[in-house]
Structures are given as C-alpha cells and as structure tokens.
C-alpha cells in the first residue's frame, strides 16, 4: 500500500485501540472503494492479478478482520480513464446507492 496509507493504518489501527485491548473498531463496518484504469472484467481469479479481494487481502483480512470489523465486499469503479461525463455520473449514483444501502452490502470472511 502507499506509504501515507500505511502510516495512517499504523497510527489509527494501533495496539490497545484497534486490537489487543479495547478493540474500539470491533463491529464497525469497513468498505474499500477504489478506481481502476482497467475494466472490472479484469479482476477475476483467472487473470494473473486475481480478484480485488485477493489484491486487497492484506488490508481486508490483515487489518479489518484482525480488528474484528465487519468487512464488506470492496467496490471497484473500473475503466475510469475511458468514462464519459454521463458514465461518470452513473458511477457516482451507483456509489451513492451502495452507501444508502450499506446495511445490505455483502460481507466477506
């Protein structure tokens, strides 16, 4: 993960707060949303890179699950470099809908 993000995790997801003590984040929902230059069809198990869950496993399992958080299925907005203005609006509405219905979002692990 990028160094600034790693630094954030090191400071926030700390011993005595997030795990091995108070576990203040236990039961909280964790959701990764990211963009990709590749279309979503690229992120399948058959391809070399694997699924988004595989790529983010160290965060999803190694951080969120380790801290007893409710780990939600990641959301990827793929092919962003090729989206026109209308498609971008559609993607934003799709993301808003996910957030409105966060209680129904599929969990992993």
PDB file of N, CA and C in Angstrom:
ATOM      1  N   UNK A   1       0.846  -1.175   0.000  1.00  0.00           N
ATOM      2  CA  UNK A   1       0.000   0.000   0.000  1.00  0.00           C
ATOM      3  C   UNK A   1       0.889   1.234   0.000  1.00  0.00           C
ATOM      4  N   UNK A   2       0.400   2.361  -0.471  1.00  0.00           N
ATOM      5  CA  UNK A   2       1.199   3.591  -0.483  1.00  0.00           C
ATOM      6  C   UNK A   2       1.610   3.986   0.938  1.00  0.00           C
ATOM      7  N   UNK A   3       2.780   4.583   1.061  1.00  0.00           N
ATOM      8  CA  UNK A   3       3.330   4.944   2.368  1.00  0.00           C
ATOM      9  C   UNK A   3       2.391   5.808   3.212  1.00  0.00           C
ATOM     10  N   UNK A   4       1.741   6.839   2.657  1.00  0.00           N
ATOM     11  CA  UNK A   4       0.830   7.629   3.504  1.00  0.00           C
ATOM     12  C   UNK A   4      -0.319   6.792   4.076  1.00  0.00           C
ATOM     13  N   UNK A   5      -0.835   5.852   3.275  1.00  0.00           N
ATOM     14  CA  UNK A   5      -1.910   4.992   3.760  1.00  0.00           C
ATOM     15  C   UNK A   5      -1.384   4.048   4.840  1.00  0.00           C
ATOM     16  N   UNK A   6      -0.201   3.515   4.637  1.00  0.00           N
ATOM     17  CA  UNK A   6       0.417   2.644   5.643  1.00  0.00           C
ATOM     18  C   UNK A   6       0.611   3.404   6.946  1.00  0.00           C
ATOM     19  N   UNK A   7       1.071   4.647   6.859  1.00  0.00           N
ATOM     20  CA  UNK A   7       1.239   5.469   8.054  1.00  0.00           C
ATOM     21  C   UNK A   7      -0.075   5.693   8.774  1.00  0.00           C
ATOM     22  N   UNK A   8      -1.144   5.913   8.012  1.00  0.00           N
ATOM     23  CA  UNK A   8      -2.480   6.084   8.591  1.00  0.00           C
ATOM     24  C   UNK A   8      -2.876   4.826   9.355  1.00  0.00           C
ATOM     25  N   UNK A   9      -2.725   3.665   8.725  1.00  0.00           N
ATOM     26  CA  UNK A   9      -3.075   2.412   9.391  1.00  0.00           C
ATOM     27  C   UNK A   9      -2.235   2.203  10.642  1.00  0.00           C
ATOM     28  N   UNK A  10      -0.952   2.517  10.575  1.00  0.00           N
ATOM     29  CA  UNK A  10      -0.086   2.339  11.737  1.00  0.00           C
ATOM     30  C   UNK A  10      -0.512   3.206  12.913  1.00  0.00           C
ATOM     31  N   UNK A  11      -1.016   4.405  12.635  1.00  0.00           N
ATOM     32  CA  UNK A  11      -1.418   5.318  13.707  1.00  0.00           C
ATOM     33  C   UNK A  11      -2.828   5.038  14.224  1.00  0.00           C
ATOM     34  N   UNK A  12      -3.751   4.692  13.333  1.00  0.00           N
ATOM     35  CA  UNK A  12      -5.148   4.518  13.737  1.00  0.00           C
ATOM     36  C   UNK A  12      -5.436   3.095  14.212  1.00  0.00           C
ATOM     37  N   UNK A  13      -4.973   2.125  13.489  1.00  0.00           N
ATOM     38  CA  UNK A  13      -5.230   0.729  13.829  1.00  0.00           C
ATOM     39  C   UNK A  13      -4.118   0.241  14.759  1.00  0.00           C
ATOM     40  N   UNK A  14      -4.060   0.811  15.942  1.00  0.00           N
ATOM     41  CA  UNK A  14      -2.939   0.577  16.854  1.00  0.00           C
ATOM     42  C   UNK A  14      -3.308  -0.390  17.975  1.00  0.00           C
ATOM     43  N   UNK A  15      -2.268  -0.995  18.533  1.00  0.00           N
ATOM     44  CA  UNK A  15      -2.431  -1.917  19.651  1.00  0.00           C
ATOM     45  C   UNK A  15      -3.047  -1.163  20.835  1.00  0.00           C
ATOM     46  N   UNK A  16      -3.975  -1.802  21.500  1.00  0.00           N
ATOM     47  CA  UNK A  16      -4.645  -1.187  22.633  1.00  0.00           C
ATOM     48  C   UNK A  16      -5.854  -0.359  22.233  1.00  0.00           C
ATOM     49  N   UNK A  17      -5.941   0.008  20.976  1.00  0.00           N
ATOM     50  CA  UNK A  17      -7.111   0.741  20.471  1.00  0.00           C
ATOM     51  C   UNK A  17      -7.916  -0.144  19.536  1.00  0.00           C
ATOM     52  N   UNK A  18      -7.284  -0.580  18.459  1.00  0.00           N
ATOM     53  CA  UNK A  18      -7.992  -1.364  17.445  1.00  0.00           C
ATOM     54  C   UNK A  18      -7.920  -2.862  17.704  1.00  0.00           C
ATOM     55  N   UNK A  19      -6.901  -3.309  18.405  1.00  0.00           N
ATOM     56  CA  UNK A  19      -6.755  -4.731  18.700  1.00  0.00           C
ATOM     57  C   UNK A  19      -5.949  -4.899  19.981  1.00  0.00           C
ATOM     58  N   UNK A  20      -6.017  -6.084  20.524  1.00  0.00           N
ATOM     59  CA  UNK A  20      -5.244  -6.440  21.712  1.00  0.00           C
ATOM     60  C   UNK A  20      -5.465  -5.460  22.858  1.00  0.00           C
ATOM     61  N   UNK A  21      -6.710  -5.227  23.148  1.00  0.00           N
ATOM     62  CA  UNK A  21      -7.057  -4.285  24.214  1.00  0.00           C
ATOM     63  C   UNK A  21      -8.499  -3.851  24.058  1.00  0.00           C
ATOM     64  N   UNK A  22      -8.716  -2.566  23.885  1.00  0.00           N
ATOM     65  CA  UNK A  22     -10.059  -2.004  23.833  1.00  0.00           C
ATOM     66  C   UNK A  22     -10.873  -2.462  22.623  1.00  0.00           C
ATOM     67  N   UNK A  23     -10.249  -2.731  21.517  1.00  0.00           N
ATOM     68  CA  UNK A  23     -10.925  -3.135  20.281  1.00  0.00           C
ATOM     69  C   UNK A  23     -12.063  -2.177  19.938  1.00  0.00           C
ATOM     70  N   UNK A  24     -11.732  -0.904  19.869  1.00  0.00           N
ATOM     71  CA  UNK A  24     -12.721   0.144  19.610  1.00  0.00           C
ATOM     72  C   UNK A  24     -13.370   0.045  18.235  1.00  0.00           C
ATOM     73  N   UNK A  25     -12.727  -0.654  17.302  1.00  0.00           N
ATOM     74  CA  UNK A  25     -13.268  -0.752  15.948  1.00  0.00           C
ATOM     75  C   UNK A  25     -14.079  -2.029  15.724  1.00  0.00           C
ATOM     76  N   UNK A  26     -14.100  -2.912  16.699  1.00  0.00           N
ATOM     77  CA  UNK A  26     -14.844  -4.172  16.573  1.00  0.00           C
ATOM     78  C   UNK A  26     -16.317  -3.877  16.288  1.00  0.00           C
ATOM     79  N   UNK A  27     -16.847  -4.563  15.280  1.00  0.00           N
ATOM     80  CA  UNK A  27     -18.250  -4.400  14.916  1.00  0.00           C
ATOM     81  C   UNK A  27     -18.522  -3.244  13.967  1.00  0.00           C
ATOM     82  N   UNK A  28     -17.531  -2.398  13.717  1.00  0.00           N
ATOM     83  CA  UNK A  28     -17.693  -1.293  12.761  1.00  0.00           C
ATOM     84  C   UNK A  28     -17.543  -1.848  11.353  1.00  0.00           C
ATOM     85  N   UNK A  29     -18.213  -1.228  10.397  1.00  0.00           N
ATOM     86  CA  UNK A  29     -18.135  -1.661   9.002  1.00  0.00           C
ATOM     87  C   UNK A  29     -16.910  -1.060   8.320  1.00  0.00           C
ATOM     88  N   UNK A  30     -16.276  -1.869   7.483  1.00  0.00           N
ATOM     89  CA  UNK A  30     -15.130  -1.419   6.702  1.00  0.00           C
ATOM     90  C   UNK A  30     -15.399  -1.730   5.237  1.00  0.00           C
ATOM     91  N   UNK A  31     -15.263  -0.720   4.388  1.00  0.00           N
ATOM     92  CA  UNK A  31     -15.539  -0.864   2.963  1.00  0.00           C
ATOM     93  C   UNK A  31     -14.465  -0.133   2.169  1.00  0.00           C
ATOM     94  N   UNK A  32     -13.818  -0.842   1.268  1.00  0.00           N
ATOM     95  CA  UNK A  32     -12.858  -0.224   0.358  1.00  0.00           C
ATOM     96  C   UNK A  32     -13.575   0.105  -0.938  1.00  0.00           C
ATOM     97  N   UNK A  33     -13.439   1.342  -1.387  1.00  0.00           N
ATOM     98  CA  UNK A  33     -13.898   1.755  -2.705  1.00  0.00           C
ATOM     99  C   UNK A  33     -12.688   2.327  -3.420  1.00  0.00           C
ATOM    100  N   UNK A  34     -12.444   1.855  -4.620  1.00  0.00           N
ATOM    101  CA  UNK A  34     -11.284   2.327  -5.370  1.00  0.00           C
ATOM    102  C   UNK A  34     -11.619   2.432  -6.849  1.00  0.00           C
ATOM    103  N   UNK A  35     -10.787   3.161  -7.555  1.00  0.00           N
ATOM    104  CA  UNK A  35     -10.921   3.244  -9.011  1.00  0.00           C
ATOM    105  C   UNK A  35      -9.804   2.437  -9.653  1.00  0.00           C
ATOM    106  N   UNK A  36     -10.012   2.100 -10.899  1.00  0.00           N
ATOM    107  CA  UNK A  36      -9.022   1.336 -11.655  1.00  0.00           C
ATOM    108  C   UNK A  36      -9.052   1.774 -13.108  1.00  0.00           C
ATOM    109  N   UNK A  37      -7.893   1.815 -13.714  1.00  0.00           N
ATOM    110  CA  UNK A  37      -7.833   2.094 -15.142  1.00  0.00           C
ATOM    111  C   UNK A  37      -8.308   0.913 -15.962  1.00  0.00           C
ATOM    112  N   UNK A  38      -8.214  -0.278 -15.384  1.00  0.00           N
ATOM    113  CA  UNK A  38      -8.668  -1.491 -16.063  1.00  0.00           C
ATOM    114  C   UNK A  38     -10.163  -1.681 -15.857  1.00  0.00           C
ATOM    115  N   UNK A  39     -10.828  -2.280 -16.843  1.00  0.00           N
ATOM    116  CA  UNK A  39     -12.258  -2.558 -16.662  1.00  0.00           C
ATOM    117  C   UNK A  39     -12.461  -3.605 -15.564  1.00  0.00           C
ATOM    118  N   UNK A  40     -13.624  -3.605 -14.948  1.00  0.00           N
ATOM    119  CA  UNK A  40     -13.910  -4.541 -13.856  1.00  0.00           C
ATOM    120  C   UNK A  40     -13.777  -6.001 -14.271  1.00  0.00           C
ATOM    121  N   UNK A  41     -13.964  -6.286 -15.547  1.00  0.00           N
ATOM    122  CA  UNK A  41     -13.836  -7.661 -16.029  1.00  0.00           C
ATOM    123  C   UNK A  41     -12.413  -8.194 -15.834  1.00  0.00           C
ATOM    124  N   UNK A  42     -11.466  -7.330 -15.620  1.00  0.00           N
ATOM    125  CA  UNK A  42     -10.064  -7.717 -15.433  1.00  0.00           C
ATOM    126  C   UNK A  42      -9.838  -8.401 -14.084  1.00  0.00           C
ATOM    127  N   UNK A  43     -10.641  -8.057 -13.095  1.00  0.00           N
ATOM    128  CA  UNK A  43     -10.406  -8.514 -11.725  1.00  0.00           C
ATOM    129  C   UNK A  43     -11.118  -9.834 -11.439  1.00  0.00           C
ATOM    130  N   UNK A  44     -10.692 -10.882 -12.126  1.00  0.00           N
ATOM    131  CA  UNK A  44     -11.240 -12.216 -11.928  1.00  0.00           C
ATOM    132  C   UNK A  44     -10.111 -13.164 -11.557  1.00  0.00           C
ATOM    133  N   UNK A  45     -10.454 -14.243 -10.903  1.00  0.00           N
ATOM    134  CA  UNK A  45      -9.454 -15.187 -10.396  1.00  0.00           C
ATOM    135  C   UNK A  45      -8.567 -15.761 -11.501  1.00  0.00           C
ATOM    136  N   UNK A  46      -9.095 -15.869 -12.720  1.00  0.00           N
ATOM    137  CA  UNK A  46      -8.338 -16.477 -13.805  1.00  0.00           C
ATOM    138  C   UNK A  46      -7.183 -15.601 -14.298  1.00  0.00           C
ATOM    139  N   UNK A  47      -7.252 -14.310 -14.057  1.00  0.00           N
ATOM    140  CA  UNK A  47      -6.190 -13.410 -14.507  1.00  0.00           C
ATOM    141  C   UNK A  47      -5.052 -13.381 -13.498  1.00  0.00           C
ATOM    142  N   UNK A  48      -3.882 -13.002 -13.963  1.00  0.00           N
ATOM    143  CA  UNK A  48      -2.677 -13.024 -13.146  1.00  0.00           C
ATOM    144  C   UNK A  48      -2.823 -12.172 -11.876  1.00  0.00           C
ATOM    145  N   UNK A  49      -3.428 -11.012 -11.987  1.00  0.00           N
ATOM    146  CA  UNK A  49      -3.553 -10.130 -10.828  1.00  0.00           C
ATOM    147  C   UNK A  49      -4.544 -10.678  -9.807  1.00  0.00           C
ATOM    148  N   UNK A  50      -5.517 -11.447 -10.251  1.00  0.00           N
ATOM    149  CA  UNK A  50      -6.506 -12.008  -9.353  1.00  0.00           C
ATOM    150  C   UNK A  50      -7.661 -11.064  -9.099  1.00  0.00           C
ATOM    151  N   UNK A  51      -8.447 -11.392  -8.106  1.00  0.00           N
ATOM    152  CA  UNK A  51      -9.623 -10.598  -7.771  1.00  0.00           C
ATOM    153  C   UNK A  51      -9.228  -9.401  -6.902  1.00  0.00           C
ATOM    154  N   UNK A  52     -10.125  -8.455  -6.785  1.00  0.00           N
ATOM    155  CA  UNK A  52      -9.891  -7.309  -5.904  1.00  0.00           C
ATOM    156  C   UNK A  52      -9.731  -7.790  -4.466  1.00  0.00           C
ATOM    157  N   UNK A  53     -10.508  -8.783  -4.062  1.00  0.00           N
ATOM    158  CA  UNK A  53     -10.368  -9.333  -2.715  1.00  0.00           C
ATOM    159  C   UNK A  53      -8.969  -9.908  -2.500  1.00  0.00           C
ATOM    160  N   UNK A  54      -8.401 -10.523  -3.537  1.00  0.00           N
ATOM    161  CA  UNK A  54      -7.043 -11.057  -3.441  1.00  0.00           C
ATOM    162  C   UNK A  54      -6.018  -9.923  -3.335  1.00  0.00           C
ATOM    163  N   UNK A  55      -6.184  -8.918  -4.156  1.00  0.00           N
ATOM    164  CA  UNK A  55      -5.236  -7.800  -4.164  1.00  0.00           C
ATOM    165  C   UNK A  55      -5.248  -7.052  -2.833  1.00  0.00           C
ATOM    166  N   UNK A  56      -6.415  -6.855  -2.257  1.00  0.00           N
ATOM    167  CA  UNK A  56      -6.538  -6.122  -1.002  1.00  0.00           C
ATOM    168  C   UNK A  56      -6.601  -7.028   0.227  1.00  0.00           C
ATOM    169  N   UNK A  57      -6.237  -8.294   0.077  1.00  0.00           N
ATOM    170  CA  UNK A  57      -6.330  -9.245   1.180  1.00  0.00           C
ATOM    171  C   UNK A  57      -5.592  -8.761   2.427  1.00  0.00           C
ATOM    172  N   UNK A  58      -4.426  -8.163   2.257  1.00  0.00           N
ATOM    173  CA  UNK A  58      -3.650  -7.723   3.416  1.00  0.00           C
ATOM    174  C   UNK A  58      -4.359  -6.632   4.216  1.00  0.00           C
ATOM    175  N   UNK A  59      -5.212  -5.854   3.571  1.00  0.00           N
ATOM    176  CA  UNK A  59      -5.994  -4.847   4.290  1.00  0.00           C
ATOM    177  C   UNK A  59      -7.305  -5.464   4.796  1.00  0.00           C
ATOM    178  N   UNK A  60      -8.009  -6.158   3.907  1.00  0.00           N
ATOM    179  CA  UNK A  60      -9.311  -6.725   4.259  1.00  0.00           C
ATOM    180  C   UNK A  60      -9.204  -7.719   5.412  1.00  0.00           C
ATOM    181  N   UNK A  61      -8.242  -8.618   5.322  1.00  0.00           N
ATOM    182  CA  UNK A  61      -8.102  -9.638   6.360  1.00  0.00           C
ATOM    183  C   UNK A  61      -7.077  -9.217   7.409  1.00  0.00           C
ATOM    184  N   UNK A  62      -5.914  -8.762   6.951  1.00  0.00           N
ATOM    185  CA  UNK A  62      -4.822  -8.450   7.862  1.00  0.00           C
ATOM    186  C   UNK A  62      -5.053  -7.238   8.739  1.00  0.00           C
ATOM    187  N   UNK A  63      -5.978  -6.364   8.359  1.00  0.00           N
ATOM    188  CA  UNK A  63      -6.283  -5.186   9.178  1.00  0.00           C
ATOM    189  C   UNK A  63      -7.730  -5.250   9.662  1.00  0.00           C
ATOM    190  N   UNK A  64      -8.687  -5.189   8.742  1.00  0.00           N
ATOM    191  CA  UNK A  64     -10.089  -5.098   9.133  1.00  0.00           C
ATOM    192  C   UNK A  64     -10.556  -6.329   9.919  1.00  0.00           C
ATOM    193  N   UNK A  65     -10.342  -7.504   9.373  1.00  0.00           N
ATOM    194  CA  UNK A  65     -10.784  -8.725  10.045  1.00  0.00           C
ATOM    195  C   UNK A  65     -10.008  -8.935  11.340  1.00  0.00           C
ATOM    196  N   UNK A  66      -8.724  -8.621  11.334  1.00  0.00           N
ATOM    197  CA  UNK A  66      -7.893  -8.752  12.529  1.00  0.00           C
ATOM    198  C   UNK A  66      -8.423  -7.887  13.673  1.00  0.00           C
ATOM    199  N   UNK A  67      -9.004  -6.739  13.324  1.00  0.00           N
ATOM    200  CA  UNK A  67      -9.569  -5.823  14.326  1.00  0.00           C
ATOM    201  C   UNK A  67     -11.037  -6.121  14.609  1.00  0.00           C
ATOM    202  N   UNK A  68     -11.518  -7.283  14.152  1.00  0.00           N
ATOM    203  CA  UNK A  68     -12.905  -7.715  14.367  1.00  0.00           C
ATOM    204  C   UNK A  68     -13.926  -6.754  13.782  1.00  0.00           C
ATOM    205  N   UNK A  69     -13.573  -6.143  12.669  1.00  0.00           N
ATOM    206  CA  UNK A  69     -14.508  -5.272  11.968  1.00  0.00           C
ATOM    207  C   UNK A  69     -15.380  -6.113  11.045  1.00  0.00           C
ATOM    208  N   UNK A  70     -16.494  -5.562  10.623  1.00  0.00           N
ATOM    209  CA  UNK A  70     -17.361  -6.210   9.642  1.00  0.00           C
ATOM    210  C   UNK A  70     -16.825  -5.798   8.273  1.00  0.00           C
ATOM    211  N   UNK A  71     -16.202  -6.727   7.591  1.00  0.00           N
ATOM    212  CA  UNK A  71     -15.538  -6.435   6.331  1.00  0.00           C
ATOM    213  C   UNK A  71     -16.508  -6.611   5.174  1.00  0.00           C
ATOM    214  N   UNK A  72     -16.792  -5.515   4.494  1.00  0.00           N
ATOM    215  CA  UNK A  72     -17.731  -5.522   3.381  1.00  0.00           C
ATOM    216  C   UNK A  72     -16.998  -5.757   2.066  1.00  0.00           C
ATOM    217  N   UNK A  73     -17.722  -6.297   1.112  1.00  0.00           N
ATOM    218  CA  UNK A  73     -17.158  -6.553  -0.215  1.00  0.00           C
ATOM    219  C   UNK A  73     -16.698  -5.224  -0.833  1.00  0.00           C
ATOM    220  N   UNK A  74     -15.464  -5.176  -1.340  1.00  0.00           N
ATOM    221  CA  UNK A  74     -14.957  -3.940  -1.952  1.00  0.00           C
ATOM    222  C   UNK A  74     -15.762  -3.536  -3.186  1.00  0.00           C
ATOM    223  N   UNK A  75     -15.700  -2.260  -3.507  1.00  0.00           N
ATOM    224  CA  UNK A  75     -16.360  -1.730  -4.698  1.00  0.00           C
ATOM    225  C   UNK A  75     -15.285  -1.114  -5.585  1.00  0.00           C
ATOM    226  N   UNK A  76     -15.261  -1.532  -6.837  1.00  0.00           N
ATOM    227  CA  UNK A  76     -14.287  -1.019  -7.790  1.00  0.00           C
ATOM    228  C   UNK A  76     -15.014  -0.305  -8.917  1.00  0.00           C
ATOM    229  N   UNK A  77     -14.568   0.891  -9.219  1.00  0.00           N
ATOM    230  CA  UNK A  77     -15.069   1.619 -10.380  1.00  0.00           C
ATOM    231  C   UNK A  77     -13.986   1.476 -11.439  1.00  0.00           C
ATOM    232  N   UNK A  78     -14.230   0.598 -12.391  1.00  0.00           N
ATOM    233  CA  UNK A  78     -13.215   0.253 -13.375  1.00  0.00           C
ATOM    234  C   UNK A  78     -13.291   1.080 -14.643  1.00  0.00           C
ATOM    235  N   UNK A  79     -12.170   1.089 -15.356  1.00  0.00           N
ATOM    236  CA  UNK A  79     -12.089   1.766 -16.641  1.00  0.00           C
ATOM    237  C   UNK A  79     -12.331   3.259 -16.573  1.00  0.00           C
ATOM    238  N   UNK A  80     -11.923   3.893 -15.486  1.00  0.00           N
ATOM    239  CA  UNK A  80     -12.281   5.296 -15.260  1.00  0.00           C
ATOM    240  C   UNK A  80     -11.701   6.247 -16.304  1.00  0.00           C
ATOM    241  N   UNK A  81     -10.585   5.898 -16.897  1.00  0.00           N
ATOM    242  CA  UNK A  81      -9.969   6.779 -17.898  1.00  0.00           C
ATOM    243  C   UNK A  81     -10.803   6.869 -19.172  1.00  0.00           C
ATOM    244  N   UNK A  82     -11.674   5.895 -19.377  1.00  0.00           N
ATOM    245  CA  UNK A  82     -12.465   5.847 -20.603  1.00  0.00           C
ATOM    246  C   UNK A  82     -13.919   6.273 -20.398  1.00  0.00           C
ATOM    247  N   UNK A  83     -14.265   6.692 -19.209  1.00  0.00           N
ATOM    248  CA  UNK A  83     -15.662   7.073 -18.938  1.00  0.00           C
ATOM    249  C   UNK A  83     -15.945   8.480 -19.443  1.00  0.00           C
ATOM    250  N   UNK A  84     -17.102   8.639 -20.081  1.00  0.00           N
ATOM    251  CA  UNK A  84     -17.516   9.986 -20.466  1.00  0.00           C
ATOM    252  C   UNK A  84     -18.265  10.628 -19.296  1.00  0.00           C
ATOM    253  N   UNK A  85     -18.672  11.862 -19.441  1.00  0.00           N
ATOM    254  CA  UNK A  85     -19.314  12.595 -18.350  1.00  0.00           C
ATOM    255  C   UNK A  85     -20.582  11.892 -17.864  1.00  0.00           C
ATOM    256  N   UNK A  86     -21.384  11.375 -18.773  1.00  0.00           N
ATOM    257  CA  UNK A  86     -22.615  10.681 -18.398  1.00  0.00           C
ATOM    258  C   UNK A  86     -22.297   9.409 -17.597  1.00  0.00           C
ATOM    259  N   UNK A  87     -21.315   8.654 -18.042  1.00  0.00           N
ATOM    260  CA  UNK A  87     -20.932   7.425 -17.350  1.00  0.00           C
ATOM    261  C   UNK A  87     -20.376   7.729 -15.960  1.00  0.00           C
ATOM    262  N   UNK A  88     -19.645   8.819 -15.836  1.00  0.00           N
ATOM    263  CA  UNK A  88     -19.128   9.216 -14.521  1.00  0.00           C
ATOM    264  C   UNK A  88     -20.271   9.522 -13.560  1.00  0.00           C
ATOM    265  N   UNK A  89     -21.283  10.208 -14.057  1.00  0.00           N
ATOM    266  CA  UNK A  89     -22.462  10.494 -13.236  1.00  0.00           C
ATOM    267  C   UNK A  89     -23.151   9.201 -12.807  1.00  0.00           C
ATOM    268  N   UNK A  90     -23.241   8.246 -13.728  1.00  0.00           N
ATOM    269  CA  UNK A  90     -23.844   6.959 -13.401  1.00  0.00           C
ATOM    270  C   UNK A  90     -23.059   6.244 -12.306  1.00  0.00           C
ATOM    271  N   UNK A  91     -21.739   6.292 -12.392  1.00  0.00           N
ATOM    272  CA  UNK A  91     -20.881   5.650 -11.388  1.00  0.00           C
ATOM    273  C   UNK A  91     -21.028   6.319 -10.029  1.00  0.00           C
ATOM    274  N   UNK A  92     -21.147   7.630 -10.020  1.00  0.00           N
ATOM    275  CA  UNK A  92     -21.359   8.347  -8.768  1.00  0.00           C
ATOM    276  C   UNK A  92     -22.704   7.980  -8.141  1.00  0.00           C
ATOM    277  N   UNK A  93     -23.723   7.854  -8.970  1.00  0.00           N
ATOM    278  CA  UNK A  93     -25.042   7.448  -8.462  1.00  0.00           C
ATOM    279  C   UNK A  93     -24.999   6.007  -7.949  1.00  0.00           C
ATOM    280  N   UNK A  94     -24.273   5.146  -8.650  1.00  0.00           N
ATOM    281  CA  UNK A  94     -24.109   3.760  -8.202  1.00  0.00           C
ATOM    282  C   UNK A  94     -23.451   3.723  -6.819  1.00  0.00           C
ATOM    283  N   UNK A  95     -22.416   4.534  -6.617  1.00  0.00           N
ATOM    284  CA  UNK A  95     -21.721   4.606  -5.334  1.00  0.00           C
ATOM    285  C   UNK A  95     -22.663   5.147  -4.254  1.00  0.00           C
ATOM    286  N   UNK A  96     -23.428   6.171  -4.582  1.00  0.00           N
ATOM    287  CA  UNK A  96     -24.385   6.730  -3.627  1.00  0.00           C
ATOM    288  C   UNK A  96     -25.417   5.677  -3.214  1.00  0.00           C
ATOM    289  N   UNK A  97     -25.844   4.878  -4.161  1.00  0.00           N
ATOM    290  CA  UNK A  97     -26.807   3.814  -3.874  1.00  0.00           C
ATOM    291  C   UNK A  97     -26.202   2.766  -2.943  1.00  0.00           C
ATOM    292  N   UNK A  98     -24.942   2.423  -3.162  1.00  0.00           N
ATOM    293  CA  UNK A  98     -24.253   1.482  -2.273  1.00  0.00           C
ATOM    294  C   UNK A  98     -24.235   2.033  -0.850  1.00  0.00           C
ATOM    295  N   UNK A  99     -23.905   3.303  -0.709  1.00  0.00           N
ATOM    296  CA  UNK A  99     -23.852   3.911   0.619  1.00  0.00           C
ATOM    297  C   UNK A  99     -25.235   3.994   1.269  1.00  0.00           C
ATOM    298  N   UNK A 100     -26.248   4.275   0.468  1.00  0.00           N
ATOM    299  CA  UNK A 100     -27.613   4.321   1.013  1.00  0.00           C
ATOM    300  C   UNK A 100     -28.064   2.952   1.525  1.00  0.00           C
ATOM    301  N   UNK A 101     -27.565   1.908   0.897  1.00  0.00           N
ATOM    302  CA  UNK A 101     -27.961   0.539   1.249  1.00  0.00           C
ATOM    303  C   UNK A 101     -26.823  -0.240   1.890  1.00  0.00           C
ATOM    304  N   UNK A 102     -26.012   0.437   2.660  1.00  0.00           N
ATOM    305  CA  UNK A 102     -24.818  -0.193   3.249  1.00  0.00           C
ATOM    306  C   UNK A 102     -25.169  -1.391   4.123  1.00  0.00           C
ATOM    307  N   UNK A 103     -26.338  -1.371   4.746  1.00  0.00           N
ATOM    308  CA  UNK A 103     -26.741  -2.476   5.617  1.00  0.00           C
ATOM    309  C   UNK A 103     -26.915  -3.777   4.837  1.00  0.00           C
ATOM    310  N   UNK A 104     -27.207  -3.672   3.551  1.00  0.00           N
ATOM    311  CA  UNK A 104     -27.430  -4.862   2.731  1.00  0.00           C
ATOM    312  C   UNK A 104     -26.169  -5.316   1.992  1.00  0.00           C
ATOM    313  N   UNK A 105     -25.078  -4.584   2.158  1.00  0.00           N
ATOM    314  CA  UNK A 105     -23.830  -4.903   1.434  1.00  0.00           C
ATOM    315  C   UNK A 105     -23.303  -6.255   1.883  1.00  0.00           C
ATOM    316  N   UNK A 106     -22.886  -7.053   0.916  1.00  0.00           N
ATOM    317  CA  UNK A 106     -22.343  -8.376   1.184  1.00  0.00           C
ATOM    318  C   UNK A 106     -21.068  -8.281   2.012  1.00  0.00           C
ATOM    319  N   UNK A 107     -20.938  -9.166   2.994  1.00  0.00           N
ATOM    320  CA  UNK A 107     -19.717  -9.235   3.795  1.00  0.00           C
ATOM    321  C   UNK A 107     -18.812 -10.327   3.245  1.00  0.00           C
ATOM    322  N   UNK A 108     -17.539 -10.235   3.606  1.00  0.00           N
ATOM    323  CA  UNK A 108     -16.600 -11.301   3.250  1.00  0.00           C
ATOM    324  C   UNK A 108     -15.973 -11.824   4.542  1.00  0.00           C
ATOM    325  N   UNK A 109     -15.413 -12.979   4.478  1.00  0.00           N
ATOM    326  CA  UNK A 109     -14.848 -13.701   5.629  1.00  0.00           C
ATOM    327  C   UNK A 109     -15.965 -14.231   6.471  1.00  0.00           C
TER     328      UNK A 109
END
